[in-house]
Amino acid sequence: MKAKRVPVASRRQARALPKRAKSLRSATTYRLEPRFQKGLALLRQVRKTPLNRMVNEAVGEYLESRSATVEAELEEILRRVRAYRKVDPNFESAIVRFADAEAAFAKNDPAEGKVASSAGPAQKLVRDLIRG
């Protein structure tokens, strides 16, 4: 039996990625600015590396860097929230501020009820009938 010859390019691709990753890869289209395209073309010639590999490396480095930054920012936010909760665990100060604001603006609040004036003769008659 003759061994089937695999093209050189296919062998390189097979070595570049583990079997599992090959099945997960898909073609994606992105629009790069012309200056990035020129830079990639120049690097491809100098490094003798495929554009696809360079773009994947660049995206990988970007994701690693940005995700570390975002993680640090989220940890800082979480630290601040925990510190705030320890200072006022039952939100007592927030409740007090809310109550004070409600009391301060109650006069001008259209949602607040108004005291009804004295009842007229028809209202008195209805109330007396209801009370018995």
N, C-alpha and C. Protein backbone atom coordinates (compact mmCIF):
# COMPACT_ATOMS: atom_id res chain seq x y z
N MET A 1 0.82 -1.20 0.00
CA MET A 1 0.00 0.00 0.00
C MET A 1 0.85 1.25 0.00
N LYS A 2 0.44 2.19 -0.81
CA LYS A 2 1.17 3.45 -0.86
C LYS A 2 0.64 4.39 0.21
N ALA A 3 1.53 5.10 0.85
CA ALA A 3 1.12 6.10 1.84
C ALA A 3 0.61 7.34 1.13
N LYS A 4 -0.47 7.87 1.61
CA LYS A 4 -1.05 9.07 1.00
C LYS A 4 -0.22 10.28 1.42
N ARG A 5 0.16 11.09 0.44
CA ARG A 5 0.98 12.27 0.72
C ARG A 5 0.06 13.43 1.09
N VAL A 6 0.38 14.08 2.21
CA VAL A 6 -0.37 15.24 2.66
C VAL A 6 0.41 16.48 2.25
N PRO A 7 -0.24 17.47 1.65
CA PRO A 7 0.47 18.69 1.25
C PRO A 7 1.20 19.32 2.44
N VAL A 8 2.31 19.99 2.15
CA VAL A 8 3.14 20.61 3.19
C VAL A 8 2.35 21.60 4.02
N ALA A 9 1.54 22.43 3.36
CA ALA A 9 0.75 23.44 4.08
C ALA A 9 -0.18 22.78 5.10
N SER A 10 -0.80 21.66 4.72
CA SER A 10 -1.71 20.97 5.63
C SER A 10 -0.96 20.40 6.83
N ARG A 11 0.25 19.90 6.59
CA ARG A 11 1.05 19.37 7.71
C ARG A 11 1.43 20.47 8.68
N ARG A 12 1.74 21.66 8.14
CA ARG A 12 2.08 22.78 9.02
C ARG A 12 0.89 23.17 9.88
N GLN A 13 -0.28 23.23 9.25
CA GLN A 13 -1.49 23.58 10.00
C GLN A 13 -1.76 22.53 11.07
N ALA A 14 -1.58 21.28 10.75
CA ALA A 14 -1.84 20.22 11.70
C ALA A 14 -0.91 20.33 12.91
N ARG A 15 0.33 20.74 12.67
CA ARG A 15 1.27 20.90 13.78
C ARG A 15 1.00 22.16 14.59
N ALA A 16 0.42 23.17 13.97
CA ALA A 16 0.23 24.46 14.63
C ALA A 16 -0.82 24.39 15.72
N LEU A 17 -1.84 23.56 15.56
CA LEU A 17 -2.93 23.52 16.52
C LEU A 17 -3.20 22.10 16.99
N PRO A 18 -3.60 21.96 18.24
CA PRO A 18 -4.01 20.63 18.69
C PRO A 18 -5.28 20.21 17.96
N LYS A 19 -5.58 18.92 17.93
CA LYS A 19 -6.74 18.41 17.20
C LYS A 19 -8.02 19.10 17.65
N ARG A 20 -8.19 19.26 18.93
CA ARG A 20 -9.40 19.85 19.49
C ARG A 20 -9.63 21.27 18.96
N ALA A 21 -8.57 22.07 18.89
CA ALA A 21 -8.68 23.46 18.45
C ALA A 21 -9.02 23.56 16.97
N LYS A 22 -8.57 22.61 16.16
CA LYS A 22 -8.85 22.67 14.72
C LYS A 22 -10.34 22.62 14.47
N SER A 23 -11.06 21.82 15.22
CA SER A 23 -12.49 21.70 14.99
C SER A 23 -13.25 22.94 15.47
N LEU A 24 -12.67 23.71 16.35
CA LEU A 24 -13.34 24.90 16.89
C LEU A 24 -13.08 26.15 16.07
N ARG A 25 -12.10 26.11 15.17
CA ARG A 25 -11.76 27.28 14.37
C ARG A 25 -12.83 27.55 13.34
N SER A 26 -13.07 28.83 13.08
CA SER A 26 -14.00 29.20 12.02
C SER A 26 -13.49 30.46 11.34
N ALA A 27 -13.86 30.62 10.11
CA ALA A 27 -13.46 31.81 9.35
C ALA A 27 -14.25 33.01 9.86
N THR A 28 -13.55 34.12 10.03
CA THR A 28 -14.17 35.35 10.53
C THR A 28 -13.66 36.50 9.69
N THR A 29 -14.54 37.44 9.42
CA THR A 29 -14.15 38.60 8.62
C THR A 29 -14.14 39.83 9.50
N TYR A 30 -13.02 40.54 9.50
CA TYR A 30 -12.89 41.81 10.20
C TYR A 30 -12.31 42.82 9.24
N ARG A 31 -12.70 44.05 9.38
CA ARG A 31 -12.17 45.12 8.53
C ARG A 31 -11.06 45.83 9.29
N LEU A 32 -9.86 45.69 8.78
CA LEU A 32 -8.71 46.34 9.40
C LEU A 32 -8.42 47.66 8.69
N GLU A 33 -7.93 48.59 9.44
CA GLU A 33 -7.52 49.86 8.84
C GLU A 33 -6.33 49.58 7.92
N PRO A 34 -6.21 50.35 6.83
CA PRO A 34 -5.12 50.12 5.88
C PRO A 34 -3.74 50.13 6.53
N ARG A 35 -3.53 50.98 7.51
CA ARG A 35 -2.20 51.03 8.15
C ARG A 35 -1.89 49.72 8.89
N PHE A 36 -2.92 49.07 9.45
CA PHE A 36 -2.70 47.78 10.12
C PHE A 36 -2.41 46.70 9.08
N GLN A 37 -3.10 46.76 7.96
CA GLN A 37 -2.87 45.78 6.90
C GLN A 37 -1.45 45.90 6.36
N LYS A 38 -0.98 47.14 6.17
CA LYS A 38 0.39 47.34 5.68
C LYS A 38 1.40 46.84 6.70
N GLY A 39 1.15 47.13 7.96
CA GLY A 39 2.06 46.67 9.01
C GLY A 39 2.12 45.16 9.09
N LEU A 40 0.97 44.51 8.98
CA LEU A 40 0.94 43.05 8.99
C LEU A 40 1.67 42.47 7.79
N ALA A 41 1.48 43.07 6.63
CA ALA A 41 2.16 42.59 5.43
C ALA A 41 3.68 42.70 5.59
N LEU A 42 4.13 43.80 6.15
CA LEU A 42 5.57 43.98 6.37
C LEU A 42 6.10 42.94 7.36
N LEU A 43 5.38 42.75 8.47
CA LEU A 43 5.81 41.76 9.47
C LEU A 43 5.81 40.34 8.89
N ARG A 44 4.85 40.06 8.04
CA ARG A 44 4.78 38.74 7.42
C ARG A 44 6.05 38.47 6.61
N GLN A 45 6.49 39.48 5.88
CA GLN A 45 7.70 39.31 5.07
C GLN A 45 8.93 39.15 5.96
N VAL A 46 9.01 39.96 7.00
CA VAL A 46 10.19 39.92 7.87
C VAL A 46 10.23 38.64 8.69
N ARG A 47 9.11 38.28 9.30
CA ARG A 47 9.07 37.12 10.20
C ARG A 47 8.82 35.81 9.47
N LYS A 48 8.38 35.91 8.23
CA LYS A 48 8.04 34.70 7.46
C LYS A 48 6.99 33.88 8.23
N THR A 49 5.99 34.60 8.71
CA THR A 49 4.91 33.99 9.49
C THR A 49 3.58 34.32 8.83
N PRO A 50 2.65 33.37 8.77
CA PRO A 50 1.36 33.64 8.16
C PRO A 50 0.59 34.76 8.89
N LEU A 51 -0.14 35.54 8.11
CA LEU A 51 -0.94 36.63 8.68
C LEU A 51 -1.90 36.11 9.74
N ASN A 52 -2.53 35.00 9.46
CA ASN A 52 -3.51 34.43 10.38
C ASN A 52 -2.89 34.18 11.76
N ARG A 53 -1.68 33.62 11.76
CA ARG A 53 -1.02 33.34 13.03
C ARG A 53 -0.69 34.63 13.77
N MET A 54 -0.21 35.65 13.04
CA MET A 54 0.13 36.92 13.68
C MET A 54 -1.11 37.59 14.26
N VAL A 55 -2.22 37.56 13.52
CA VAL A 55 -3.45 38.17 14.02
C VAL A 55 -3.94 37.42 15.25
N ASN A 56 -3.88 36.10 15.22
CA ASN A 56 -4.29 35.32 16.39
C ASN A 56 -3.41 35.62 17.60
N GLU A 57 -2.11 35.75 17.38
CA GLU A 57 -1.20 36.10 18.48
C GLU A 57 -1.56 37.47 19.05
N ALA A 58 -1.80 38.43 18.16
CA ALA A 58 -2.12 39.79 18.60
C ALA A 58 -3.42 39.83 19.37
N VAL A 59 -4.43 39.13 18.88
CA VAL A 59 -5.73 39.10 19.58
C VAL A 59 -5.57 38.41 20.93
N GLY A 60 -4.80 37.33 20.96
CA GLY A 60 -4.56 36.63 22.22
C GLY A 60 -3.89 37.52 23.25
N GLU A 61 -2.86 38.27 22.82
CA GLU A 61 -2.17 39.18 23.73
C GLU A 61 -3.11 40.30 24.21
N TYR A 62 -3.93 40.81 23.29
CA TYR A 62 -4.89 41.87 23.64
C TYR A 62 -5.88 41.36 24.68
N LEU A 63 -6.44 40.17 24.45
CA LEU A 63 -7.42 39.62 25.38
C LEU A 63 -6.80 39.37 26.75
N GLU A 64 -5.59 38.86 26.77
CA GLU A 64 -4.92 38.60 28.04
C GLU A 64 -4.70 39.89 28.81
N SER A 65 -4.23 40.91 28.11
CA SER A 65 -3.96 42.20 28.75
C SER A 65 -5.24 42.86 29.23
N ARG A 66 -6.24 42.95 28.36
CA ARG A 66 -7.49 43.63 28.72
C ARG A 66 -8.26 42.88 29.79
N SER A 67 -8.28 41.56 29.72
CA SER A 67 -9.03 40.81 30.73
C SER A 67 -8.38 40.98 32.10
N ALA A 68 -7.05 41.07 32.14
CA ALA A 68 -6.37 41.31 33.42
C ALA A 68 -6.73 42.68 33.96
N THR A 69 -6.80 43.68 33.09
CA THR A 69 -7.18 45.04 33.51
C THR A 69 -8.61 45.07 34.03
N VAL A 70 -9.52 44.45 33.29
CA VAL A 70 -10.92 44.42 33.71
C VAL A 70 -11.07 43.68 35.03
N GLU A 71 -10.36 42.58 35.18
CA GLU A 71 -10.41 41.81 36.43
C GLU A 71 -9.97 42.67 37.60
N ALA A 72 -8.89 43.41 37.43
CA ALA A 72 -8.39 44.27 38.50
C ALA A 72 -9.41 45.36 38.84
N GLU A 73 -10.04 45.95 37.81
CA GLU A 73 -11.05 46.98 38.05
C GLU A 73 -12.25 46.42 38.79
N LEU A 74 -12.70 45.23 38.39
CA LEU A 74 -13.85 44.62 39.06
C LEU A 74 -13.54 44.26 40.50
N GLU A 75 -12.32 43.78 40.75
CA GLU A 75 -11.93 43.47 42.12
C GLU A 75 -11.92 44.73 42.98
N GLU A 76 -11.48 45.85 42.42
CA GLU A 76 -11.47 47.12 43.15
C GLU A 76 -12.90 47.56 43.46
N ILE A 77 -13.80 47.44 42.50
CA ILE A 77 -15.20 47.80 42.72
C ILE A 77 -15.81 46.92 43.80
N LEU A 78 -15.54 45.63 43.74
CA LEU A 78 -16.06 44.71 44.74
C LEU A 78 -15.51 45.05 46.12
N ARG A 79 -14.24 45.41 46.20
CA ARG A 79 -13.65 45.79 47.48
C ARG A 79 -14.35 47.03 48.04
N ARG A 80 -14.63 48.01 47.18
CA ARG A 80 -15.31 49.23 47.62
C ARG A 80 -16.74 48.96 48.08
N VAL A 81 -17.45 48.07 47.37
CA VAL A 81 -18.82 47.73 47.76
C VAL A 81 -18.82 47.02 49.11
N ARG A 82 -17.90 46.10 49.30
CA ARG A 82 -17.82 45.39 50.59
C ARG A 82 -17.49 46.35 51.72
N ALA A 83 -16.59 47.27 51.46
CA ALA A 83 -16.24 48.26 52.50
C ALA A 83 -17.45 49.13 52.84
N TYR A 84 -18.22 49.52 51.84
CA TYR A 84 -19.41 50.34 52.07
C TYR A 84 -20.44 49.56 52.90
N ARG A 85 -20.64 48.29 52.56
CA ARG A 85 -21.61 47.48 53.30
C ARG A 85 -21.19 47.30 54.74
N LYS A 86 -19.90 47.22 55.02
CA LYS A 86 -19.44 47.07 56.41
C LYS A 86 -19.69 48.34 57.21
N VAL A 87 -19.57 49.49 56.56
CA VAL A 87 -19.78 50.77 57.25
C VAL A 87 -21.24 50.92 57.65
N ASP A 88 -22.16 50.53 56.76
CA ASP A 88 -23.59 50.71 57.02
C ASP A 88 -24.33 49.44 56.56
N PRO A 89 -24.22 48.35 57.35
CA PRO A 89 -24.74 47.06 56.89
C PRO A 89 -26.24 47.03 56.64
N ASN A 90 -27.02 47.79 57.38
CA ASN A 90 -28.47 47.78 57.20
C ASN A 90 -28.97 49.00 56.45
N PHE A 91 -28.06 49.73 55.87
CA PHE A 91 -28.38 50.93 55.09
C PHE A 91 -29.16 51.96 55.93
N GLU A 92 -28.84 52.01 57.22
CA GLU A 92 -29.53 52.94 58.11
C GLU A 92 -29.34 54.40 57.67
N SER A 93 -28.13 54.77 57.30
CA SER A 93 -27.89 56.16 56.90
C SER A 93 -28.66 56.49 55.62
N ALA A 94 -28.77 55.54 54.71
CA ALA A 94 -29.53 55.77 53.48
C ALA A 94 -31.01 55.96 53.79
N ILE A 95 -31.51 55.18 54.73
CA ILE A 95 -32.92 55.29 55.12
C ILE A 95 -33.18 56.64 55.78
N VAL A 96 -32.27 57.06 56.64
CA VAL A 96 -32.41 58.36 57.30
C VAL A 96 -32.38 59.48 56.28
N ARG A 97 -31.43 59.43 55.33
CA ARG A 97 -31.36 60.47 54.29
C ARG A 97 -32.63 60.51 53.45
N PHE A 98 -33.17 59.34 53.14
CA PHE A 98 -34.40 59.27 52.36
C PHE A 98 -35.56 59.89 53.13
N ALA A 99 -35.70 59.54 54.41
CA ALA A 99 -36.79 60.08 55.23
C ALA A 99 -36.67 61.59 55.37
N ASP A 100 -35.45 62.09 55.58
CA ASP A 100 -35.24 63.54 55.70
C ASP A 100 -35.61 64.24 54.39
N ALA A 101 -35.25 63.67 53.25
CA ALA A 101 -35.58 64.28 51.96
C ALA A 101 -37.09 64.28 51.74
N GLU A 102 -37.75 63.21 52.13
CA GLU A 102 -39.21 63.16 51.99
C GLU A 102 -39.87 64.24 52.85
N ALA A 103 -39.40 64.40 54.08
CA ALA A 103 -39.98 65.40 54.98
C ALA A 103 -39.70 66.82 54.48
N ALA A 104 -38.51 67.04 53.93
CA ALA A 104 -38.14 68.38 53.48
C ALA A 104 -38.97 68.84 52.29
N PHE A 105 -39.34 67.91 51.42
CA PHE A 105 -40.05 68.29 50.21
C PHE A 105 -41.54 67.93 50.24
N ALA A 106 -42.06 67.55 51.39
CA ALA A 106 -43.45 67.12 51.49
C ALA A 106 -44.43 68.23 51.13
N LYS A 107 -44.12 69.47 51.49
CA LYS A 107 -45.04 70.59 51.21
C LYS A 107 -45.29 70.74 49.70
N ASN A 108 -44.26 70.57 48.92
CA ASN A 108 -44.36 70.81 47.47
C ASN A 108 -44.62 69.55 46.66
N ASP A 109 -44.81 68.43 47.33
CA ASP A 109 -44.99 67.17 46.63
C ASP A 109 -46.44 66.98 46.22
N PRO A 110 -46.72 66.95 44.91
CA PRO A 110 -48.11 66.80 44.47
C PRO A 110 -48.67 65.40 44.77
N ALA A 111 -47.81 64.46 45.04
CA ALA A 111 -48.29 63.11 45.35
C ALA A 111 -48.76 63.00 46.80
N GLU A 112 -48.35 63.93 47.63
CA GLU A 112 -48.80 63.93 49.02
C GLU A 112 -50.28 64.30 49.07
N GLY A 113 -51.01 63.73 49.98
CA GLY A 113 -52.44 64.02 50.12
C GLY A 113 -52.66 65.39 50.74
N LYS A 114 -53.86 65.91 50.59
CA LYS A 114 -54.22 67.20 51.18
C LYS A 114 -55.33 66.96 52.18
N VAL A 115 -55.32 67.76 53.23
CA VAL A 115 -56.36 67.65 54.24
C VAL A 115 -57.66 68.16 53.64
N ALA A 116 -58.68 67.35 53.79
CA ALA A 116 -59.98 67.74 53.23
C ALA A 116 -60.61 68.83 54.10
N SER A 117 -61.22 69.78 53.46
CA SER A 117 -61.91 70.83 54.21
C SER A 117 -63.18 70.25 54.82
N SER A 118 -63.84 71.03 55.60
CA SER A 118 -65.05 70.53 56.26
C SER A 118 -66.08 70.11 55.22
N ALA A 119 -66.80 69.11 55.58
CA ALA A 119 -67.77 68.54 54.65
C ALA A 119 -68.95 69.47 54.43
N GLY A 120 -69.50 69.44 53.22
CA GLY A 120 -70.69 70.23 52.90
C GLY A 120 -71.95 69.49 53.38
N PRO A 121 -73.15 70.09 53.17
CA PRO A 121 -74.38 69.47 53.67
C PRO A 121 -74.67 68.10 53.07
N ALA A 122 -74.37 67.90 51.78
CA ALA A 122 -74.64 66.60 51.17
C ALA A 122 -73.72 65.54 51.74
N GLN A 123 -72.42 65.89 51.94
CA GLN A 123 -71.46 64.94 52.49
C GLN A 123 -71.84 64.57 53.92
N LYS A 124 -72.31 65.56 54.71
CA LYS A 124 -72.73 65.28 56.09
C LYS A 124 -73.88 64.30 56.09
N LEU A 125 -74.86 64.48 55.20
CA LEU A 125 -76.02 63.60 55.13
C LEU A 125 -75.59 62.18 54.78
N VAL A 126 -74.68 62.03 53.79
CA VAL A 126 -74.20 60.69 53.39
C VAL A 126 -73.44 60.05 54.54
N ARG A 127 -72.57 60.77 55.22
CA ARG A 127 -71.81 60.22 56.34
C ARG A 127 -72.74 59.77 57.48
N ASP A 128 -73.73 60.59 57.73
CA ASP A 128 -74.68 60.22 58.80
C ASP A 128 -75.43 58.95 58.44
N LEU A 129 -75.83 58.80 57.17
CA LEU A 129 -76.54 57.61 56.73
C LEU A 129 -75.63 56.38 56.83
N ILE A 130 -74.37 56.56 56.49
CA ILE A 130 -73.42 55.41 56.54
C ILE A 130 -73.17 55.00 57.98
N ARG A 131 -73.01 55.96 58.86
CA ARG A 131 -72.72 55.65 60.26
C ARG A 131 -73.95 55.06 60.97
N GLY A 132 -75.10 55.38 60.50
CA GLY A 132 -76.32 54.80 61.09
C GLY A 132 -76.91 55.63 62.11
